[in-house]
Amino acid sequence: MASDLNQVRIDGRLVEAPKVKPLESGARVATLKIANNRYFKGKEEQDWKEKAGFFEVEAWNALADSVSSMSKGQPVHIEGALGQDQWTDADGKQRSRVVIEATKVEARELKRERSEERQGAGVEL
């Protein structure tokens, strides 16, 4: 029997500081919102285009605690899986949303700092 694959790896920046919420069960969940920029060229275009995507991420318990000190604009690397929440709203309509359920969240250094290091090493960008 073949197994399904559900893995996500994404780099981006925090749109706002993570929000950590304790649940009645004693668990803790952090909600992160990240922006990720994608660069592409169209079929007949010479210039690069940029498109931003915005994604919601959930981190649980110890991982939620570890991201609580991160701040808006922080570059991050996230690994996890896609999850889907489904509910009925107050008007009786079926709703759903897709979130990234994080298993790993790492703070990254600013690109500007990495660029300066490469320039010092004689590597052309």
Protein backbone atom coordinates (compact mmCIF):
# COMPACT_ATOMS: atom_id res chain seq x y z
CA MET A 1 0.00 0.00 0.00
CA ALA A 2 1.41 3.40 -0.98
CA SER A 3 1.51 6.13 1.60
CA ASP A 4 0.47 9.70 0.97
CA LEU A 5 3.01 12.50 1.27
CA ASN A 6 2.18 15.71 3.12
CA GLN A 7 5.29 17.82 3.74
CA VAL A 8 5.78 21.57 3.65
CA ARG A 9 9.01 23.57 3.80
CA ILE A 10 8.76 27.32 3.46
CA ASP A 11 10.89 30.38 4.16
CA GLY A 12 9.32 33.75 4.77
CA ARG A 13 8.92 36.60 7.22
CA LEU A 14 6.53 36.97 10.12
CA VAL A 15 3.74 39.38 9.25
CA GLU A 16 3.12 39.94 12.97
CA ALA A 17 4.40 38.62 16.27
CA PRO A 18 3.20 35.06 17.05
CA LYS A 19 0.09 34.81 19.23
CA VAL A 20 0.24 32.07 21.85
CA LYS A 21 -3.05 30.86 23.29
CA PRO A 22 -3.49 28.39 26.17
CA LEU A 23 -6.33 25.91 25.69
CA GLU A 24 -8.61 24.42 28.35
CA SER A 25 -6.89 21.06 27.85
CA GLY A 26 -3.59 22.58 28.99
CA ALA A 27 -2.12 22.57 25.48
CA ARG A 28 -0.73 25.76 23.96
CA VAL A 29 -1.01 26.82 20.34
CA ALA A 30 0.88 29.63 18.62
CA THR A 31 -0.52 31.17 15.47
CA LEU A 32 2.02 32.61 13.07
CA LYS A 33 1.27 34.49 9.87
CA ILE A 34 4.06 34.55 7.32
CA ALA A 35 4.66 36.21 3.98
CA ASN A 36 6.59 34.40 1.27
CA ASN A 37 7.72 36.07 -1.96
CA ARG A 38 7.89 34.15 -5.23
CA TYR A 39 9.76 35.43 -8.28
CA PHE A 40 8.94 34.47 -11.87
CA LYS A 41 9.03 35.55 -15.50
CA GLY A 42 6.08 35.33 -17.87
CA LYS A 43 6.37 33.73 -21.32
CA GLU A 44 7.29 36.92 -23.14
CA GLU A 45 8.52 39.08 -20.29
CA GLN A 46 12.10 40.12 -19.67
CA ASP A 47 11.67 41.49 -16.14
CA TRP A 48 11.21 39.41 -13.04
CA LYS A 49 7.84 39.67 -11.31
CA GLU A 50 7.23 39.23 -7.61
CA LYS A 51 4.15 37.70 -6.00
CA ALA A 52 3.59 37.55 -2.25
CA GLY A 53 1.74 34.69 -0.61
CA PHE A 54 0.43 34.80 2.96
CA PHE A 55 0.14 31.65 5.07
CA GLU A 56 -1.10 30.73 8.52
CA VAL A 57 1.00 28.41 10.65
CA GLU A 58 0.18 26.64 13.91
CA ALA A 59 2.85 25.52 16.37
CA TRP A 60 1.87 23.46 19.42
CA ASN A 61 3.10 23.18 23.03
CA ALA A 62 6.91 23.36 23.37
CA LEU A 63 7.24 24.65 19.81
CA ALA A 64 4.61 27.31 20.59
CA ASP A 65 6.68 28.38 23.59
CA SER A 66 9.86 28.58 21.51
CA VAL A 67 8.34 30.93 18.91
CA SER A 68 6.68 33.24 21.44
CA SER A 69 9.66 35.62 21.54
CA MET A 70 9.85 36.09 17.75
CA SER A 71 8.82 39.44 16.33
CA LYS A 72 7.24 40.99 13.26
CA GLY A 73 9.57 40.94 10.23
CA GLN A 74 11.66 38.02 11.56
CA PRO A 75 12.83 35.74 8.73
CA VAL A 76 11.81 32.14 9.47
CA HIS A 77 12.14 28.64 8.05
CA ILE A 78 9.16 26.38 8.72
CA GLU A 79 8.70 22.65 8.19
CA GLY A 80 5.50 20.73 8.76
CA ALA A 81 2.38 19.43 7.04
CA LEU A 82 -0.77 20.92 5.59
CA GLY A 83 -3.86 20.64 7.74
CA GLN A 84 -7.45 21.65 7.13
CA ASP A 85 -9.95 23.02 9.66
CA GLN A 86 -13.65 22.77 8.85
CA TRP A 87 -16.57 24.37 10.70
CA THR A 88 -20.05 25.81 10.29
CA ASP A 89 -20.25 29.56 10.82
CA ALA A 90 -23.02 31.49 12.62
CA ASP A 91 -24.98 31.75 9.34
CA GLY A 92 -24.92 27.97 8.86
CA LYS A 93 -22.39 28.08 6.01
CA GLN A 94 -19.67 25.46 5.76
CA ARG A 95 -16.22 27.03 6.09
CA SER A 96 -12.70 25.68 5.86
CA ARG A 97 -9.13 26.88 5.94
CA VAL A 98 -5.78 25.31 5.20
CA VAL A 99 -2.96 25.84 7.69
CA ILE A 100 0.62 24.70 7.99
CA GLU A 101 0.97 22.51 11.08
CA ALA A 102 4.58 23.18 12.05
CA THR A 103 6.95 20.52 13.32
CA LYS A 104 9.96 22.86 13.11
CA VAL A 105 10.32 26.65 13.19
CA GLU A 106 13.76 28.23 12.90
CA ALA A 107 14.69 31.91 13.03
CA ARG A 108 16.81 32.89 10.03
CA GLU A 109 19.34 35.66 9.62
CA LEU A 110 18.52 38.69 7.53
CA LYS A 111 19.43 38.41 3.84
CA ARG A 112 21.31 41.71 4.08
CA GLU A 113 23.70 40.15 6.61
CA ARG A 114 24.28 37.09 4.40
CA SER A 115 24.91 39.34 1.37
CA GLU A 116 27.56 41.29 3.28
CA GLU A 117 29.30 38.04 4.25
CA ARG A 118 29.37 36.83 0.63
CA GLN A 119 30.71 40.15 -0.64
CA GLY A 120 33.47 39.96 1.96
CA ALA A 121 34.32 36.46 0.72
CA GLY A 122 34.71 37.72 -2.85
CA VAL A 123 31.56 36.06 -4.18
CA GLU A 124 29.57 38.13 -6.65
CA LEU A 125 25.83 38.25 -6.12
